[in-house]
Protein backbone atom coordinates (compact mmCIF):
# COMPACT_ATOMS: atom_id res chain seq x y z
CA MET A 1 0.00 0.00 0.00
CA PRO A 2 2.68 2.60 0.78
CA GLN A 3 4.29 1.89 -2.58
CA ALA A 4 0.99 2.44 -4.38
CA LYS A 5 0.49 5.75 -2.57
CA ASP A 6 3.99 6.89 -3.49
CA LYS A 7 3.36 5.95 -7.10
CA MET A 8 0.15 7.95 -7.28
CA CYS A 9 1.78 10.96 -5.63
CA GLU A 10 4.49 10.97 -8.31
CA ILE A 11 1.99 10.93 -11.21
CA ASP A 12 -0.32 13.80 -12.14
CA GLU A 13 -4.01 12.99 -12.12
CA HIS A 14 -4.52 13.73 -15.82
CA ILE A 15 -1.63 11.38 -16.66
CA SER A 16 -3.22 8.59 -14.60
CA LYS A 17 -6.42 9.08 -16.57
CA ARG A 18 -4.56 8.74 -19.86
CA PHE A 19 -2.23 5.86 -18.86
CA ASP A 20 -2.78 2.76 -16.77
CA ILE A 21 0.49 2.69 -14.82
CA HIS A 22 1.74 -0.86 -14.19
CA LYS A 23 5.14 -0.58 -12.56
CA ARG A 24 8.13 1.67 -12.16
CA LEU A 25 11.06 0.75 -14.38
CA GLY A 26 13.68 3.13 -13.04
CA LYS A 27 14.31 6.41 -11.29
CA GLY A 28 17.23 8.81 -11.41
CA ALA A 29 18.16 12.36 -10.58
CA TYR A 30 16.55 13.72 -13.75
CA GLY A 31 13.41 11.63 -14.05
CA ILE A 32 11.43 8.46 -13.59
CA VAL A 33 10.09 5.87 -16.06
CA TRP A 34 7.03 3.62 -15.75
CA LYS A 35 5.65 0.78 -17.79
CA ALA A 36 2.05 1.59 -18.66
CA VAL A 37 -0.82 0.97 -21.06
CA ASP A 38 -2.23 3.83 -23.09
CA ARG A 39 -5.97 3.81 -22.34
CA LYS A 40 -6.74 5.27 -25.78
CA THR A 41 -4.64 3.03 -28.02
CA LYS A 42 -4.32 0.04 -25.64
CA GLU A 43 -0.60 -0.08 -26.44
CA VAL A 44 2.07 -0.91 -23.89
CA VAL A 45 4.23 2.20 -23.53
CA ALA A 46 6.98 3.66 -21.38
CA VAL A 47 6.01 6.90 -19.65
CA LYS A 48 8.95 9.11 -18.77
CA LYS A 49 8.58 12.00 -16.36
CA ILE A 50 11.37 14.57 -16.61
CA PHE A 51 11.81 16.45 -13.36
CA ASP A 52 11.98 20.22 -13.74
CA ALA A 53 12.66 19.89 -17.46
CA PHE A 54 13.22 23.65 -17.80
CA ARG A 55 15.23 24.27 -14.65
CA ASN A 56 18.02 26.06 -16.56
CA GLN A 57 19.04 26.91 -20.11
CA THR A 58 21.05 23.72 -20.63
CA ASP A 59 18.29 21.37 -19.48
CA ALA A 60 15.63 23.32 -21.37
CA GLN A 61 17.68 23.19 -24.58
CA ARG A 62 18.31 19.44 -24.29
CA THR A 63 14.65 18.68 -23.54
CA PHE A 64 13.51 20.73 -26.51
CA ARG A 65 16.24 19.31 -28.74
CA GLU A 66 15.41 15.68 -27.92
CA ILE A 67 11.70 16.10 -28.60
CA MET A 68 12.30 17.87 -31.90
CA PHE A 69 14.76 15.29 -33.22
CA LEU A 70 12.68 12.32 -32.07
CA GLN A 71 9.75 13.90 -33.85
CA SER A 72 11.73 13.90 -37.10
CA PHE A 73 13.25 10.42 -36.87
CA LYS A 74 10.22 8.58 -35.47
CA ASN A 75 9.48 6.72 -38.71
CA HIS A 76 12.62 4.59 -38.67
CA PRO A 77 12.21 1.10 -37.17
CA ASN A 78 15.48 1.31 -35.24
CA ILE A 79 14.89 4.68 -33.58
CA ILE A 80 12.66 4.89 -30.51
CA LYS A 81 9.23 6.34 -31.24
CA LEU A 82 7.89 9.25 -29.23
CA HIS A 83 4.11 8.78 -29.13
CA SER A 84 3.01 11.77 -27.06
CA ILE A 85 4.10 14.67 -24.87
CA HIS A 86 2.16 16.01 -21.88
CA ARG A 87 2.44 19.02 -19.61
CA ALA A 88 2.63 18.56 -15.86
CA ALA A 89 0.30 20.34 -13.46
CA ASN A 90 3.20 22.26 -11.89
CA ASN A 91 4.26 23.67 -15.29
CA ARG A 92 7.84 22.50 -14.62
CA ASP A 93 7.88 18.76 -15.23
CA ILE A 94 7.00 17.12 -18.54
CA TYR A 95 5.78 13.65 -19.48
CA LEU A 96 6.86 11.75 -22.60
CA GLY A 97 5.14 8.62 -23.90
CA PHE A 98 7.51 6.24 -25.72
CA GLU A 99 7.07 2.82 -27.25
CA TYR A 100 7.99 0.16 -24.72
CA MET A 101 11.22 -1.86 -24.92
CA GLU A 102 12.13 -4.57 -22.43
CA THR A 103 15.77 -3.74 -21.72
CA ASP A 104 18.90 -2.02 -23.01
CA LEU A 105 22.18 -3.27 -24.42
CA HIS A 106 24.13 -2.31 -21.28
CA ASN A 107 22.08 -4.69 -19.10
CA VAL A 108 22.33 -7.49 -21.66
CA ILE A 109 26.13 -7.20 -21.94
CA LYS A 110 26.44 -7.02 -18.15
CA ARG A 111 24.44 -10.24 -17.86
CA GLY A 112 27.11 -12.09 -19.89
CA ASN A 113 26.84 -14.87 -22.47
CA VAL A 114 23.33 -13.89 -23.53
CA LEU A 115 24.22 -12.65 -27.00
CA LYS A 116 25.59 -15.14 -29.49
CA ASP A 117 27.62 -14.17 -32.54
CA VAL A 118 24.55 -13.91 -34.77
CA HIS A 119 22.82 -11.58 -32.31
CA LYS A 120 25.83 -9.25 -32.15
CA ARG A 121 25.91 -9.06 -35.95
CA TYR A 122 22.19 -8.36 -36.12
CA ILE A 123 22.37 -5.63 -33.47
CA MET A 124 25.31 -4.01 -35.22
CA TYR A 125 23.47 -4.09 -38.52
CA GLN A 126 20.46 -2.33 -37.00
CA LEU A 127 22.66 0.32 -35.35
CA LEU A 128 24.44 1.04 -38.63
CA LYS A 129 21.12 1.28 -40.44
CA ALA A 130 19.72 3.77 -37.91
CA THR A 131 22.95 5.79 -37.86
CA LYS A 132 22.91 6.02 -41.65
CA TYR A 133 19.37 7.40 -41.45
CA ILE A 134 20.33 9.99 -38.82
CA HIS A 135 23.45 11.06 -40.71
CA SER A 136 21.51 11.38 -43.97
CA GLY A 137 19.47 14.09 -42.25
CA ASN A 138 22.78 15.83 -41.52
CA VAL A 139 22.44 15.19 -37.79
CA ILE A 140 24.93 13.59 -35.39
CA HIS A 141 23.75 11.78 -32.26
CA ARG A 142 26.89 12.44 -30.14
CA ASP A 143 25.92 10.08 -27.31
CA GLN A 144 25.71 6.53 -28.63
CA LYS A 145 26.45 4.01 -25.87
CA PRO A 146 24.96 0.66 -24.73
CA SER A 147 22.58 2.22 -22.21
CA ASN A 148 21.06 4.36 -24.99
CA ILE A 149 20.37 1.32 -27.18
CA LEU A 150 17.09 -0.35 -26.27
CA LEU A 151 16.34 -4.02 -26.97
CA ASP A 152 13.40 -6.38 -26.95
CA THR A 153 13.35 -10.15 -26.66
CA LEU A 154 13.32 -10.54 -30.44
CA CYS A 155 16.72 -8.85 -30.57
CA ARG A 156 15.33 -5.74 -32.23
CA CYS A 157 17.15 -2.59 -31.13
CA LYS A 158 16.34 1.10 -31.17
CA ILE A 159 18.52 4.15 -30.57
CA ALA A 160 17.24 6.52 -27.88
CA ASP A 161 18.22 9.74 -26.06
CA PHE A 162 18.71 12.53 -28.60
CA GLY A 163 19.32 15.20 -25.96
CA LEU A 164 22.87 15.83 -27.21
CA ALA A 165 22.14 15.45 -30.93
CA ARG A 166 23.10 18.33 -33.21
CA SER A 167 22.25 19.44 -36.71
CA LEU A 168 25.42 19.80 -38.77
CA THR A 169 23.59 22.17 -41.08
CA GLN A 170 23.12 24.73 -38.31
CA MET A 171 26.68 24.22 -37.09
CA LEU A 172 28.10 24.84 -40.57
CA ASP A 173 25.91 27.86 -41.17
CA GLY A 174 26.71 29.40 -37.79
CA ASN A 175 29.53 31.68 -36.83
CA ASP A 176 32.88 30.71 -35.39
CA THR A 177 31.81 31.12 -31.78
CA ASP A 178 29.63 28.19 -30.81
CA PRO A 179 28.93 27.92 -27.08
CA THR A 180 27.15 24.57 -27.39
CA LEU A 181 30.23 22.81 -28.76
CA THR A 182 31.79 22.97 -25.34
CA ASP A 183 28.91 20.96 -23.83
CA TYR A 184 29.47 17.59 -22.22
CA VAL A 185 29.32 15.20 -25.17
CA ALA A 186 29.06 11.44 -24.84
CA THR A 187 30.14 9.25 -21.97
CA ARG A 188 33.93 9.34 -21.72
CA TRP A 189 34.43 5.67 -22.61
CA TYR A 190 32.76 6.16 -26.00
CA ARG A 191 34.21 9.55 -26.92
CA ALA A 192 36.29 9.91 -30.06
CA PRO A 193 39.88 11.21 -29.70
CA GLU A 194 39.01 14.53 -31.34
CA ILE A 195 36.47 15.24 -28.59
CA LEU A 196 38.91 14.28 -25.84
CA ILE A 197 41.45 16.82 -27.10
CA ALA A 198 38.77 19.53 -27.37
CA ASN A 199 38.55 19.69 -31.16
CA ARG A 200 35.37 21.64 -31.84
CA ARG A 201 35.10 20.62 -35.50
CA TYR A 202 32.57 17.84 -35.15
CA THR A 203 31.95 15.30 -37.91
CA LYS A 204 29.79 12.21 -38.35
CA GLY A 205 32.92 10.24 -37.51
CA ILE A 206 32.33 10.71 -33.77
CA ASP A 207 29.24 8.48 -34.00
CA MET A 208 31.18 5.87 -35.98
CA TRP A 209 33.87 5.79 -33.26
CA SER A 210 31.16 5.16 -30.65
CA LEU A 211 29.78 2.29 -32.73
CA GLY A 212 33.26 0.75 -32.89
CA CYS A 213 33.48 0.92 -29.08
CA ILE A 214 30.01 -0.63 -28.74
CA LEU A 215 30.87 -3.52 -31.07
CA GLY A 216 34.10 -4.11 -29.17
CA GLU A 217 32.18 -4.17 -25.90
CA MET A 218 29.65 -6.68 -27.23
CA ILE A 219 32.47 -9.00 -28.34
CA ALA A 220 34.69 -8.56 -25.26
CA GLY A 221 31.82 -8.46 -22.77
CA LYS A 222 33.17 -5.28 -21.15
CA PRO A 223 34.11 -1.71 -22.18
CA ILE A 224 37.31 -1.66 -24.23
CA PHE A 225 38.42 1.86 -23.20
CA PRO A 226 37.32 2.36 -19.55
CA GLY A 227 39.37 5.48 -18.87
CA SER A 228 39.31 7.00 -15.40
CA SER A 229 40.05 10.52 -16.67
CA THR A 230 40.46 12.34 -19.97
CA VAL A 231 44.22 11.78 -20.02
CA ASN A 232 43.85 8.13 -19.02
CA GLN A 233 41.21 7.69 -21.72
CA ILE A 234 43.59 9.00 -24.37
CA GLU A 235 46.34 6.71 -23.11
CA LYS A 236 44.11 3.64 -23.31
CA ILE A 237 43.07 4.53 -26.85
CA MET A 238 46.58 5.26 -28.12
CA ALA A 239 47.86 2.01 -26.57
CA THR A 240 45.44 0.05 -28.76
CA ILE A 241 45.04 1.80 -32.11
CA PRO A 242 47.92 2.23 -34.61
CA THR A 243 50.12 5.25 -33.97
CA PRO A 244 48.76 8.13 -36.10
CA SER A 245 50.93 9.83 -38.67
CA GLN A 246 52.08 13.42 -38.30
CA ASP A 247 49.53 14.48 -40.94
CA ASP A 248 46.71 12.82 -39.02
CA ILE A 249 47.77 14.54 -35.80
CA SER A 250 47.94 17.90 -37.56
CA ASN A 251 44.47 17.44 -39.07
CA VAL A 252 42.82 16.43 -35.79
CA CYS A 253 44.70 18.46 -33.18
CA VAL A 254 43.92 22.16 -33.36
CA SER A 255 46.15 23.19 -30.46
CA GLY A 256 49.62 22.49 -29.21
CA ILE A 257 48.20 20.99 -26.03
CA GLY A 258 46.24 18.40 -28.00
CA THR A 259 49.26 17.52 -30.12
CA SER A 260 51.41 17.11 -27.04
CA MET A 261 48.80 14.87 -25.35
CA ILE A 262 48.57 12.55 -28.37
CA LYS A 263 52.35 12.27 -28.81
CA ASN A 264 52.90 11.52 -25.12
CA ALA A 265 50.11 8.94 -25.07
CA SER A 266 51.51 7.25 -28.18
CA ASN A 267 54.63 6.25 -26.23
CA VAL A 268 52.76 3.97 -23.83
CA HIS A 269 53.03 0.17 -24.02
CA LYS A 270 50.94 -1.17 -26.91
CA VAL A 271 48.16 -3.70 -26.30
CA PRO A 272 46.85 -5.33 -29.51
CA LEU A 273 43.13 -4.98 -30.02
CA LYS A 274 42.80 -8.72 -30.70
CA ALA A 275 44.32 -9.53 -27.31
CA MET A 276 41.90 -7.13 -25.66
CA LEU A 277 38.84 -8.64 -27.37
CA GLY A 278 39.76 -12.25 -26.63
CA PRO A 279 40.64 -15.31 -28.67
CA ASP A 280 37.11 -15.91 -29.98
CA VAL A 281 36.77 -12.60 -31.82
CA PRO A 282 35.74 -13.25 -35.45
CA PHE A 283 38.13 -11.97 -38.10
CA ASP A 284 35.50 -9.85 -39.87
CA GLY A 285 34.40 -8.36 -36.54
CA LEU A 286 37.98 -7.42 -35.67
CA ASP A 287 38.41 -5.87 -39.11
CA LEU A 288 35.25 -3.76 -38.76
CA ILE A 289 36.34 -2.47 -35.32
CA HIS A 290 39.76 -1.51 -36.72
CA LYS A 291 38.11 0.46 -39.53
CA LEU A 292 35.78 2.28 -37.14
CA LEU A 293 38.53 3.21 -34.67
CA PHE A 294 40.89 5.14 -36.93
CA PHE A 295 42.41 8.15 -35.21
CA ASN A 296 41.60 10.43 -38.17
CA PRO A 297 37.78 10.69 -38.41
CA SER A 298 37.93 11.19 -42.18
CA LYS A 299 39.45 7.69 -42.52
CA ARG A 300 36.77 5.90 -40.51
CA LEU A 301 34.08 4.00 -42.35
CA THR A 302 30.83 5.87 -42.86
CA ALA A 303 27.59 4.18 -41.87
CA GLN A 304 26.80 3.50 -45.51
CA GLN A 305 30.20 1.90 -46.10
CA ALA A 306 29.99 -0.14 -42.90
CA LEU A 307 26.65 -1.62 -43.99
CA LYS A 308 28.51 -3.32 -46.86
CA HIS A 309 31.14 -4.83 -44.56
CA PRO A 310 31.30 -8.66 -44.41
CA TYR A 311 30.49 -8.61 -40.68
CA VAL A 312 26.88 -7.60 -41.41
CA SER A 313 26.61 -8.88 -44.99
CA LYS A 314 24.12 -11.63 -44.03
CA PHE A 315 21.59 -8.94 -43.15
CA HIS A 316 22.53 -6.37 -45.80
CA ASP A 317 19.42 -5.22 -47.68
CA PRO A 318 19.67 -1.90 -49.56
CA ASP A 319 15.89 -1.53 -49.70
CA GLN A 320 15.75 -1.35 -45.90
CA GLU A 321 18.75 0.97 -45.52
CA ILE A 322 16.93 4.18 -46.30
CA ASP A 323 17.95 7.85 -46.18
CA MET A 324 16.13 10.83 -44.78
CA PRO A 325 14.52 12.71 -47.70
CA CYS A 326 15.47 16.02 -46.12
CA THR A 327 17.89 17.93 -43.95
CA VAL A 328 16.69 18.10 -40.35
CA THR A 329 16.91 21.26 -38.30
CA ILE A 330 15.09 22.40 -35.17
CA PRO A 331 12.99 25.60 -35.06
CA PHE A 332 15.57 27.57 -33.08
CA ASN A 333 19.18 28.25 -33.97
CA ASP A 334 20.89 25.58 -31.88
CA ASP A 335 24.12 27.56 -31.85
CA ILE A 336 22.50 30.16 -29.62
CA ARG A 337 21.27 29.16 -26.18
CA LEU A 338 17.95 30.89 -25.58
CA SER A 339 16.11 31.57 -22.34
CA VAL A 340 14.21 28.92 -20.42
CA ASP A 341 10.90 30.64 -21.23
CA ASP A 342 11.67 30.62 -24.96
CA TYR A 343 12.15 26.84 -25.00
CA ARG A 344 9.15 26.16 -22.75
CA ASN A 345 6.78 28.44 -24.65
CA LYS A 346 7.81 27.08 -28.03
CA LEU A 347 7.32 23.50 -26.89
CA TYR A 348 3.90 24.28 -25.40
CA GLU A 349 2.97 26.07 -28.60
CA ILE A 350 3.83 22.97 -30.63
CA MET A 351 1.87 20.77 -28.21
CA ALA A 352 -1.17 23.04 -28.49
CA GLU A 353 -1.12 23.16 -32.29
CA HIS A 354 -0.60 19.44 -32.85
CA THR A 355 -2.53 16.82 -30.98
CA LYS A 356 -0.34 14.30 -32.75
CA LEU A 357 3.32 14.85 -33.54
CA LYS A 358 4.00 15.92 -37.11
CA PRO A 359 7.32 16.10 -39.00
CA LEU A 360 9.43 19.22 -38.55
CA LYS A 361 9.76 21.87 -41.21
CA VAL A 362 12.75 20.75 -43.19
CA GLN A 363 14.99 21.79 -46.02
CA ARG A 364 14.36 19.64 -49.06
CA ASN A 365 17.24 18.23 -51.03
CA LEU A 366 17.74 15.77 -53.83
CA VAL A 367 17.85 12.60 -51.71
CA LYS A 368 15.22 10.10 -52.86
CA VAL A 369 13.87 7.19 -50.89
CA GLN A 370 11.52 4.33 -51.64
CA PRO A 371 7.99 5.68 -51.13
CA ASP A 372 6.66 2.30 -50.07
CA PHE A 373 9.27 1.65 -47.38
CA LYS A 374 8.15 -0.91 -44.83
CA TYR A 375 9.09 -0.18 -41.27
CA ASP A 376 8.93 -3.79 -40.10
CA VAL A 377 12.38 -5.37 -39.72
CA LYS A 378 12.60 -8.98 -40.87
CA PRO A 379 15.46 -11.23 -41.89
CA ARG A 380 15.55 -12.09 -45.57
CA VAL A 381 14.49 -15.69 -45.04
CA ALA A 382 11.52 -14.48 -43.00
CA LYS A 383 10.37 -12.43 -45.98
CA ASP A 384 10.79 -15.42 -48.27
CA THR A 385 8.74 -17.51 -45.85
CA GLU A 386 6.03 -14.88 -45.83
CA ARG A 387 5.78 -14.94 -49.63
CA PHE A 388 5.81 -18.73 -49.60
CA LEU A 389 2.86 -18.96 -47.20
CA LYS A 390 0.85 -16.26 -48.95
CA SER A 391 1.23 -18.01 -52.30
CA ARG A 392 0.07 -21.38 -50.96
CA CYS A 393 -2.86 -20.72 -48.69
CA ASN A 394 -5.84 -18.38 -48.65
CA SER A 395 -5.96 -18.22 -44.86
CA THR A 396 -4.37 -15.63 -42.66
CA TYR A 397 -1.25 -16.99 -41.00
CA VAL A 398 0.30 -16.04 -37.68
CA THR A 399 3.48 -17.03 -35.90
CA GLN A 400 3.94 -18.52 -32.46
CA SER A 401 6.40 -15.80 -31.44
CA GLU A 402 5.59 -13.40 -28.64
CA PRO A 403 2.16 -11.84 -29.47
CA LYS A 404 1.25 -8.20 -29.47
CA LEU A 405 -1.23 -6.98 -26.90
CA HIS A 406 -4.85 -6.82 -28.10
CA GLN A 407 -4.05 -8.69 -31.28
CA THR A 408 -7.26 -9.54 -33.17
CA LYS A 409 -7.99 -13.20 -33.73
CA PRO A 410 -7.46 -14.10 -37.41
CA LYS A 411 -9.80 -16.36 -39.26
CA ASN A 412 -8.53 -19.84 -40.09
CA PRO A 413 -4.98 -19.28 -38.78
CA VAL A 414 -2.13 -21.37 -40.14
CA TYR A 415 0.63 -21.63 -37.55
CA ILE A 416 4.36 -21.63 -38.22
CA LYS A 417 7.06 -22.03 -35.60
CA SER A 418 9.58 -19.24 -35.18
CA GLU A 419 11.73 -21.35 -32.84
CA PRO A 420 12.76 -24.76 -34.24
CA LYS A 421 14.17 -25.90 -30.89
CA ILE A 422 10.65 -26.12 -29.43
CA PRO A 423 9.45 -29.75 -29.81
CA ALA A 424 6.91 -30.26 -32.58
CA ARG A 425 3.33 -30.36 -31.36
CA GLN A 426 1.27 -33.53 -31.84
CA ALA A 427 -1.85 -33.51 -33.98
CA VAL A 428 -4.99 -32.93 -31.94
CA PRO A 429 -8.68 -33.57 -32.53
CA PRO A 430 -10.66 -30.86 -34.37
CA ASN A 431 -11.84 -27.90 -32.34
CA HIS A 432 -9.46 -28.84 -29.53
CA GLN A 433 -7.66 -25.84 -28.04
CA ILE A 434 -3.88 -25.99 -27.84
CA LYS A 435 -2.13 -24.62 -24.79
CA SER A 436 0.65 -22.18 -25.56
CA GLU A 437 2.70 -19.44 -23.98
CA THR A 438 0.24 -16.88 -25.31
CA LYS A 439 -2.11 -17.77 -22.49
CA LYS A 440 -0.09 -15.79 -19.98
CA TYR A 441 -0.55 -12.66 -22.08
CA GLY A 442 -4.31 -12.90 -21.96
CA GLN A 443 -4.61 -13.83 -25.65
CA PRO A 444 -7.45 -16.06 -26.89
CA LEU A 445 -6.31 -19.61 -27.55
CA HIS A 446 -6.67 -20.58 -31.21
CA SER A 447 -7.48 -24.05 -32.40
CA LYS A 448 -6.30 -26.17 -35.28
CA THR A 449 -8.98 -28.00 -37.24
CA SER A 450 -8.50 -31.11 -39.30
CA SER A 451 -8.62 -28.96 -42.44
CA HIS A 452 -5.66 -26.95 -41.12
CA LEU A 453 -3.70 -30.10 -40.38
CA LYS A 454 -4.52 -31.47 -43.78
CA ARG A 455 -3.42 -28.30 -45.51
CA ARG A 456 -0.20 -28.31 -43.56
CA SER A 457 0.51 -31.92 -44.53
CA LEU A 458 0.27 -30.94 -48.19
CA GLU A 459 3.01 -28.32 -47.91
CA PRO A 460 6.11 -29.21 -49.97
CA LYS A 461 8.92 -30.61 -47.84
CA ALA A 462 11.77 -30.21 -50.29
CA ASN A 463 12.92 -26.79 -49.07
CA ASN A 464 13.94 -26.99 -45.42
CA ILE A 465 14.68 -23.29 -45.58
CA TYR A 466 11.01 -22.62 -44.80
CA MET A 467 11.00 -24.59 -41.56
CA SER A 468 11.71 -21.49 -39.47
CA PHE A 469 12.49 -17.80 -39.52
CA ASN A 470 16.20 -18.54 -39.68
CA SER A 471 18.77 -16.64 -41.72
CA PHE A 472 21.61 -19.05 -41.11
CA ASN A 473 20.80 -22.64 -40.08
CA GLN A 474 18.22 -24.71 -38.25
CA THR A 475 19.88 -24.67 -34.84
CA HIS A 476 18.58 -21.27 -33.78
CA GLY A 477 16.34 -18.43 -34.90
CA ILE A 478 16.99 -14.76 -34.47
CA ILE A 479 17.33 -15.49 -30.76
CA THR A 480 17.34 -18.97 -29.21
CA GLN A 481 14.90 -20.07 -26.56
CA SER A 482 17.54 -20.29 -23.84
CA ALA A 483 19.09 -16.95 -24.78
CA LEU A 484 15.63 -15.40 -24.93
CA MET A 485 14.93 -16.47 -21.36
CA GLU A 486 18.29 -15.08 -20.19
CA LEU A 487 17.60 -11.84 -22.02
CA ARG A 488 14.26 -11.53 -20.32
CA ALA A 489 15.82 -12.25 -16.93
CA SER A 490 18.48 -9.59 -17.46
CA GLY A 491 16.26 -6.81 -18.66
CA MET A 492 12.62 -7.30 -17.71
CA ARG A 493 12.47 -4.73 -14.96
């Protein structure tokens, strides 16, 4: 009872009317997050309350910036979707309604031995795809790290937290004095060398460096550059990557202090990256990390180039690797820090004008994308299986993977197994209900009739490729049953 009272005291009454709050997922100095159900849409969501979102200019700018960028990038399947924004009764806090994800990459890595090689490749592919989309809008995220990468039990990932993101268009069009470039950018362990030495000429390469650190952490099971200070961070980096040439140092270091720091750190004892990552690191994974961790940002792979690397080639699909059709900017000049009231009033004005979030006003360019882009992410074999089933039966088909809440019951369902390790079910009499894991989600139990069993027995058996949603072999799907349970245990809060 005391916990229930505390929960209700923390939530405004009008928010409780909109959302059915289930449980608290986490609480920090800046806010609190709950798992909830939207009473209007019946969707499971994450409700985030930001404490005193406009307490000062820096917090007000980051709150406004995150909402504006999320509003622009919400249509990509690997970027977290912001469903709604709500004012608080005290006019200081703010509520954000996000799509719900079970855990984040930091918790999964910390759990240990949950992710297999195929999962790491799939996660990296999704991160590269989302980063390509962000960069095509001429925006840099600046704070990619495992705790900002959300995951579900199907190994789908989404990038979150755009509070430090910046539009390169506004930075290039601005003047030489840019107060926001001195902001705290990225957690130290994932910062690129040019940020550590205070180079204010930001490029998209800083995000690619962070992705290299994230991939290394997934493979090693721990951060690869856990520096205790800025100087120690530089020393750990220079001890692992190849010693940069004098030209590279001159291009990156804009001051004598930065040049001196890099040259001194280059004299430390070298530790090969392969030794740091362990003996089981795949060759193509090691090669991709090397190409993402070049000292000179202009020599690092771009997101588009990295998507063609052999490490993620099994998932490579150009039709899914889309670009933004525009250059993204926020309504205010982000190079100038405005007053708290300016940010608050502009955000409230947008909330009042739009009951649903709409895309930002953008600068059109010549980038073209597929107009019929599908946002659902599926492995190639899964798409082939979908075509196969549609061409051979007139009934709606569903999978036995984890169901969505409030899913409508299809007529004459034909079931396929998404996890081949689960023992095959025996034939049952007509109209007999089959027990399944969907019962615990409150879903209606479907039945298989004799006509369904007969139709299934007539399916061709020559192509074993259609036995499961499996891009590689028949020993595991996108995530195995045992790994799925461990992933749930590590992240279901």
